[in-house]
Amino acid sequence: MSDTAGSNPKAALGYRLALAAVIFFGVLIVIGVGVLIVGLTKGWGGSPPSAAATPKIPVHMTLAPGYTILSADTQPGRLILHLRSPEKDEIDIIDINDGRIVSIISAQSPK
């Protein structure tokens, strides 16, 4: 008996190519899952911590005599203070990274 492609389907070229493709793509799937697991455990693709979340230097401020703080609010990297003195109301916007005043909005206080 001869071992030809017609009598043995495993010897056919199409079968061999299909088997090679299945093995190749199986190996790619295993490699991809391995890279995914390593990436998840090492934290690849995560966002870096926000630089504005923590002050770079300590910030110390002194409130002027006669002023009181009516309210305080925060935005990313900013502190917003609503201040009142006998003469005027004021909103100060302060950069929390370096303590500088970004903007001052003032109006005469109602009498």
N, C-alpha and C. Protein backbone atom coordinates (compact mmCIF):
# COMPACT_ATOMS: atom_id res chain seq x y z
N MET A 1 0.81 -1.18 0.00
CA MET A 1 0.00 0.00 0.00
C MET A 1 0.86 1.25 0.00
N SER A 2 0.52 2.18 -0.87
CA SER A 2 1.31 3.41 -0.93
C SER A 2 0.64 4.48 -0.09
N ASP A 3 1.44 5.40 0.40
CA ASP A 3 0.92 6.47 1.26
C ASP A 3 0.79 7.73 0.43
N THR A 4 -0.33 7.88 -0.28
CA THR A 4 -0.53 9.03 -1.14
C THR A 4 -1.52 9.98 -0.52
N ALA A 5 -1.62 11.15 -1.09
CA ALA A 5 -2.51 12.18 -0.56
C ALA A 5 -3.97 11.76 -0.68
N GLY A 6 -4.30 10.97 -1.68
CA GLY A 6 -5.69 10.57 -1.86
C GLY A 6 -6.14 9.56 -0.82
N SER A 7 -5.27 8.66 -0.40
CA SER A 7 -5.67 7.63 0.55
C SER A 7 -5.48 8.07 2.00
N ASN A 8 -4.61 9.05 2.29
CA ASN A 8 -4.36 9.52 3.65
C ASN A 8 -4.67 11.02 3.72
N PRO A 9 -5.81 11.41 4.34
CA PRO A 9 -6.16 12.84 4.36
C PRO A 9 -5.18 13.70 5.16
N LYS A 10 -4.46 13.09 6.09
CA LYS A 10 -3.51 13.87 6.90
C LYS A 10 -2.29 14.28 6.08
N ALA A 11 -2.07 13.64 4.96
CA ALA A 11 -0.93 13.97 4.13
C ALA A 11 -1.24 15.10 3.15
N ALA A 12 -2.49 15.50 3.05
CA ALA A 12 -2.89 16.54 2.09
C ALA A 12 -2.28 17.88 2.50
N LEU A 13 -1.92 18.68 1.51
CA LEU A 13 -1.30 19.99 1.75
C LEU A 13 -2.24 20.93 2.49
N GLY A 14 -3.51 20.93 2.12
CA GLY A 14 -4.48 21.81 2.79
C GLY A 14 -4.61 21.50 4.27
N TYR A 15 -4.59 20.21 4.60
CA TYR A 15 -4.68 19.82 6.01
C TYR A 15 -3.45 20.30 6.77
N ARG A 16 -2.29 20.16 6.17
CA ARG A 16 -1.05 20.58 6.84
C ARG A 16 -1.04 22.10 7.04
N LEU A 17 -1.50 22.86 6.05
CA LEU A 17 -1.55 24.32 6.19
C LEU A 17 -2.54 24.75 7.26
N ALA A 18 -3.70 24.09 7.30
CA ALA A 18 -4.70 24.43 8.32
C ALA A 18 -4.16 24.11 9.71
N LEU A 19 -3.50 22.96 9.86
CA LEU A 19 -2.92 22.60 11.15
C LEU A 19 -1.84 23.60 11.57
N ALA A 20 -1.01 24.03 10.63
CA ALA A 20 0.03 25.02 10.95
C ALA A 20 -0.60 26.35 11.36
N ALA A 21 -1.68 26.76 10.69
CA ALA A 21 -2.35 28.01 11.04
C ALA A 21 -2.96 27.93 12.43
N VAL A 22 -3.60 26.82 12.76
CA VAL A 22 -4.20 26.65 14.10
C VAL A 22 -3.13 26.70 15.17
N ILE A 23 -2.02 26.04 14.95
CA ILE A 23 -0.92 26.06 15.93
C ILE A 23 -0.36 27.47 16.07
N PHE A 24 -0.14 28.16 14.95
CA PHE A 24 0.41 29.51 14.97
C PHE A 24 -0.49 30.47 15.74
N PHE A 25 -1.80 30.45 15.43
CA PHE A 25 -2.72 31.37 16.11
C PHE A 25 -2.93 30.99 17.57
N GLY A 26 -2.82 29.72 17.89
CA GLY A 26 -2.90 29.30 19.29
C GLY A 26 -1.74 29.85 20.10
N VAL A 27 -0.54 29.80 19.50
CA VAL A 27 0.64 30.36 20.17
C VAL A 27 0.49 31.87 20.35
N LEU A 28 -0.05 32.57 19.34
CA LEU A 28 -0.26 34.02 19.46
C LEU A 28 -1.24 34.35 20.58
N ILE A 29 -2.29 33.55 20.71
CA ILE A 29 -3.27 33.79 21.78
C ILE A 29 -2.61 33.61 23.14
N VAL A 30 -1.82 32.58 23.31
CA VAL A 30 -1.14 32.34 24.59
C VAL A 30 -0.18 33.48 24.91
N ILE A 31 0.58 33.94 23.91
CA ILE A 31 1.50 35.07 24.13
C ILE A 31 0.71 36.34 24.49
N GLY A 32 -0.39 36.61 23.80
CA GLY A 32 -1.21 37.79 24.09
C GLY A 32 -1.79 37.78 25.49
N VAL A 33 -2.28 36.62 25.93
CA VAL A 33 -2.82 36.52 27.29
C VAL A 33 -1.71 36.73 28.31
N GLY A 34 -0.52 36.20 28.03
CA GLY A 34 0.61 36.41 28.94
C GLY A 34 0.99 37.87 29.06
N VAL A 35 1.03 38.59 27.93
CA VAL A 35 1.35 40.02 27.95
C VAL A 35 0.26 40.79 28.69
N LEU A 36 -0.98 40.42 28.51
CA LEU A 36 -2.08 41.07 29.22
C LEU A 36 -1.96 40.89 30.73
N ILE A 37 -1.64 39.69 31.16
CA ILE A 37 -1.49 39.44 32.60
C ILE A 37 -0.31 40.22 33.17
N VAL A 38 0.81 40.23 32.47
CA VAL A 38 1.98 40.98 32.94
C VAL A 38 1.66 42.47 32.98
N GLY A 39 0.97 42.99 31.97
CA GLY A 39 0.61 44.41 31.94
C GLY A 39 -0.31 44.80 33.08
N LEU A 40 -1.26 43.94 33.40
CA LEU A 40 -2.17 44.26 34.50
C LEU A 40 -1.46 44.22 35.85
N THR A 41 -0.55 43.27 36.04
CA THR A 41 0.13 43.18 37.33
C THR A 41 1.17 44.27 37.52
N LYS A 42 1.78 44.75 36.43
CA LYS A 42 2.79 45.80 36.55
C LYS A 42 2.20 47.20 36.47
N GLY A 43 0.91 47.32 36.16
CA GLY A 43 0.27 48.63 36.12
C GLY A 43 0.53 49.40 34.85
N TRP A 44 0.85 48.73 33.74
CA TRP A 44 1.07 49.43 32.47
C TRP A 44 -0.22 50.07 32.03
N GLY A 45 -0.16 51.25 31.50
CA GLY A 45 -1.33 51.92 30.97
C GLY A 45 -2.11 52.71 32.00
N GLY A 46 -1.68 52.69 33.25
CA GLY A 46 -2.36 53.47 34.27
C GLY A 46 -2.01 54.94 34.13
N SER A 47 -2.89 55.81 34.60
CA SER A 47 -2.61 57.24 34.53
C SER A 47 -1.69 57.65 35.67
N PRO A 48 -0.75 58.55 35.42
CA PRO A 48 0.14 59.01 36.49
C PRO A 48 -0.64 59.85 37.49
N PRO A 49 -0.19 59.92 38.73
CA PRO A 49 -0.88 60.74 39.71
C PRO A 49 -0.86 62.21 39.31
N SER A 50 -1.90 62.90 39.67
CA SER A 50 -2.03 64.31 39.30
C SER A 50 -1.01 65.15 40.06
N ALA A 51 -0.32 66.02 39.34
CA ALA A 51 0.69 66.88 39.97
C ALA A 51 0.03 67.98 40.79
N ALA A 52 -1.19 68.36 40.46
CA ALA A 52 -1.86 69.45 41.17
C ALA A 52 -2.51 68.98 42.47
N ALA A 53 -2.46 67.70 42.76
CA ALA A 53 -3.14 67.17 43.93
C ALA A 53 -2.41 67.53 45.23
N THR A 54 -1.10 67.67 45.18
CA THR A 54 -0.35 67.97 46.39
C THR A 54 0.49 69.23 46.17
N PRO A 55 0.54 70.11 47.17
CA PRO A 55 1.36 71.31 47.03
C PRO A 55 2.83 70.95 46.95
N LYS A 56 3.56 71.72 46.15
CA LYS A 56 4.99 71.47 46.00
C LYS A 56 5.78 72.09 47.15
N ILE A 57 5.29 73.21 47.68
CA ILE A 57 5.94 73.86 48.81
C ILE A 57 4.87 74.18 49.84
N PRO A 58 5.23 74.27 51.11
CA PRO A 58 4.23 74.66 52.11
C PRO A 58 3.75 76.09 51.85
N VAL A 59 2.47 76.30 51.97
CA VAL A 59 1.90 77.62 51.73
C VAL A 59 1.34 78.15 53.05
N HIS A 60 1.81 79.34 53.44
CA HIS A 60 1.33 79.98 54.67
C HIS A 60 0.74 81.34 54.29
N MET A 61 -0.45 81.61 54.78
CA MET A 61 -1.10 82.89 54.47
C MET A 61 -1.60 83.51 55.77
N THR A 62 -1.59 84.82 55.79
CA THR A 62 -2.12 85.56 56.93
C THR A 62 -3.26 86.42 56.42
N LEU A 63 -4.39 86.35 57.09
CA LEU A 63 -5.55 87.14 56.71
C LEU A 63 -5.37 88.57 57.24
N ALA A 64 -5.66 89.53 56.40
CA ALA A 64 -5.52 90.94 56.79
C ALA A 64 -6.45 91.27 57.95
N PRO A 65 -6.09 92.22 58.80
CA PRO A 65 -6.93 92.58 59.93
C PRO A 65 -8.31 93.07 59.46
N GLY A 66 -9.36 92.61 60.13
CA GLY A 66 -10.72 93.02 59.81
C GLY A 66 -11.41 92.11 58.81
N TYR A 67 -10.69 91.22 58.16
CA TYR A 67 -11.29 90.30 57.18
C TYR A 67 -11.75 89.02 57.87
N THR A 68 -12.86 88.49 57.40
CA THR A 68 -13.34 87.19 57.84
C THR A 68 -13.60 86.33 56.60
N ILE A 69 -13.44 85.03 56.78
CA ILE A 69 -13.70 84.11 55.68
C ILE A 69 -15.17 83.69 55.74
N LEU A 70 -15.91 84.01 54.68
CA LEU A 70 -17.32 83.62 54.61
C LEU A 70 -17.49 82.22 54.06
N SER A 71 -16.67 81.85 53.07
CA SER A 71 -16.76 80.50 52.51
C SER A 71 -15.44 80.17 51.81
N ALA A 72 -15.23 78.89 51.64
CA ALA A 72 -14.04 78.40 50.93
C ALA A 72 -14.48 77.26 50.02
N ASP A 73 -13.88 77.21 48.84
CA ASP A 73 -14.20 76.18 47.86
C ASP A 73 -12.89 75.80 47.17
N THR A 74 -12.88 74.63 46.56
CA THR A 74 -11.69 74.20 45.83
C THR A 74 -12.04 73.77 44.42
N GLN A 75 -11.11 73.97 43.54
CA GLN A 75 -11.12 73.46 42.18
C GLN A 75 -9.75 72.81 42.01
N PRO A 76 -9.55 71.99 40.97
CA PRO A 76 -8.23 71.37 40.83
C PRO A 76 -7.10 72.40 40.80
N GLY A 77 -6.25 72.34 41.82
CA GLY A 77 -5.11 73.23 41.91
C GLY A 77 -5.43 74.63 42.40
N ARG A 78 -6.66 74.89 42.81
CA ARG A 78 -7.07 76.25 43.23
C ARG A 78 -7.84 76.21 44.55
N LEU A 79 -7.65 77.25 45.33
CA LEU A 79 -8.45 77.50 46.53
C LEU A 79 -9.19 78.81 46.31
N ILE A 80 -10.49 78.80 46.52
CA ILE A 80 -11.31 79.99 46.29
C ILE A 80 -11.88 80.42 47.63
N LEU A 81 -11.53 81.62 48.07
CA LEU A 81 -11.97 82.15 49.36
C LEU A 81 -12.90 83.34 49.14
N HIS A 82 -14.02 83.36 49.85
CA HIS A 82 -14.90 84.52 49.87
C HIS A 82 -14.63 85.23 51.20
N LEU A 83 -14.09 86.45 51.11
CA LEU A 83 -13.70 87.21 52.29
C LEU A 83 -14.58 88.44 52.43
N ARG A 84 -14.72 88.90 53.67
CA ARG A 84 -15.47 90.12 53.91
C ARG A 84 -14.74 90.96 54.95
N SER A 85 -14.69 92.26 54.67
CA SER A 85 -14.18 93.23 55.63
C SER A 85 -15.29 94.27 55.80
N PRO A 86 -15.15 95.18 56.74
CA PRO A 86 -16.20 96.21 56.88
C PRO A 86 -16.35 97.07 55.63
N GLU A 87 -15.32 97.19 54.82
CA GLU A 87 -15.38 98.05 53.64
C GLU A 87 -15.78 97.33 52.36
N LYS A 88 -15.42 96.05 52.22
CA LYS A 88 -15.68 95.39 50.94
C LYS A 88 -15.78 93.87 51.09
N ASP A 89 -16.38 93.26 50.08
CA ASP A 89 -16.38 91.81 49.91
C ASP A 89 -15.33 91.48 48.85
N GLU A 90 -14.74 90.30 48.99
CA GLU A 90 -13.66 89.96 48.08
C GLU A 90 -13.64 88.45 47.85
N ILE A 91 -13.34 88.04 46.63
CA ILE A 91 -13.13 86.64 46.31
C ILE A 91 -11.69 86.51 45.83
N ASP A 92 -10.93 85.67 46.52
CA ASP A 92 -9.53 85.43 46.17
C ASP A 92 -9.40 84.03 45.61
N ILE A 93 -8.73 83.92 44.48
CA ILE A 93 -8.44 82.62 43.87
C ILE A 93 -6.94 82.40 44.00
N ILE A 94 -6.57 81.33 44.70
CA ILE A 94 -5.18 81.08 45.06
C ILE A 94 -4.71 79.77 44.45
N ASP A 95 -3.52 79.77 43.85
CA ASP A 95 -2.90 78.56 43.33
C ASP A 95 -2.31 77.81 44.52
N ILE A 96 -2.76 76.58 44.76
CA ILE A 96 -2.29 75.86 45.94
C ILE A 96 -0.90 75.27 45.76
N ASN A 97 -0.36 75.26 44.55
CA ASN A 97 0.98 74.71 44.34
C ASN A 97 2.06 75.65 44.81
N ASP A 98 1.86 76.96 44.64
CA ASP A 98 2.90 77.89 45.05
C ASP A 98 2.39 79.02 45.96
N GLY A 99 1.09 79.07 46.22
CA GLY A 99 0.55 80.05 47.14
C GLY A 99 0.31 81.42 46.54
N ARG A 100 0.53 81.60 45.25
CA ARG A 100 0.33 82.93 44.66
C ARG A 100 -1.15 83.16 44.41
N ILE A 101 -1.54 84.41 44.48
CA ILE A 101 -2.93 84.80 44.22
C ILE A 101 -3.10 84.93 42.71
N VAL A 102 -4.00 84.14 42.16
CA VAL A 102 -4.24 84.14 40.73
C VAL A 102 -5.15 85.31 40.35
N SER A 103 -6.19 85.54 41.17
CA SER A 103 -7.14 86.59 40.85
C SER A 103 -7.81 87.09 42.14
N ILE A 104 -8.14 88.39 42.13
CA ILE A 104 -8.90 89.00 43.24
C ILE A 104 -10.09 89.72 42.62
N ILE A 105 -11.25 89.36 43.09
CA ILE A 105 -12.49 90.03 42.66
C ILE A 105 -13.07 90.70 43.88
N SER A 106 -13.22 92.02 43.81
CA SER A 106 -13.72 92.74 44.99
C SER A 106 -14.87 93.67 44.62
N ALA A 107 -15.73 93.87 45.60
CA ALA A 107 -16.87 94.77 45.45
C ALA A 107 -17.08 95.47 46.79
N GLN A 108 -17.66 96.66 46.73
CA GLN A 108 -17.95 97.38 47.96
C GLN A 108 -19.02 96.63 48.75
N SER A 109 -18.81 96.54 50.05
CA SER A 109 -19.74 95.84 50.92
C SER A 109 -21.02 96.67 51.09
N PRO A 110 -22.17 96.03 51.06
CA PRO A 110 -23.41 96.79 51.26
C PRO A 110 -23.49 97.32 52.70
N LYS A 111 -24.00 98.50 52.85
CA LYS A 111 -24.07 99.12 54.18
C LYS A 111 -25.47 99.04 54.72
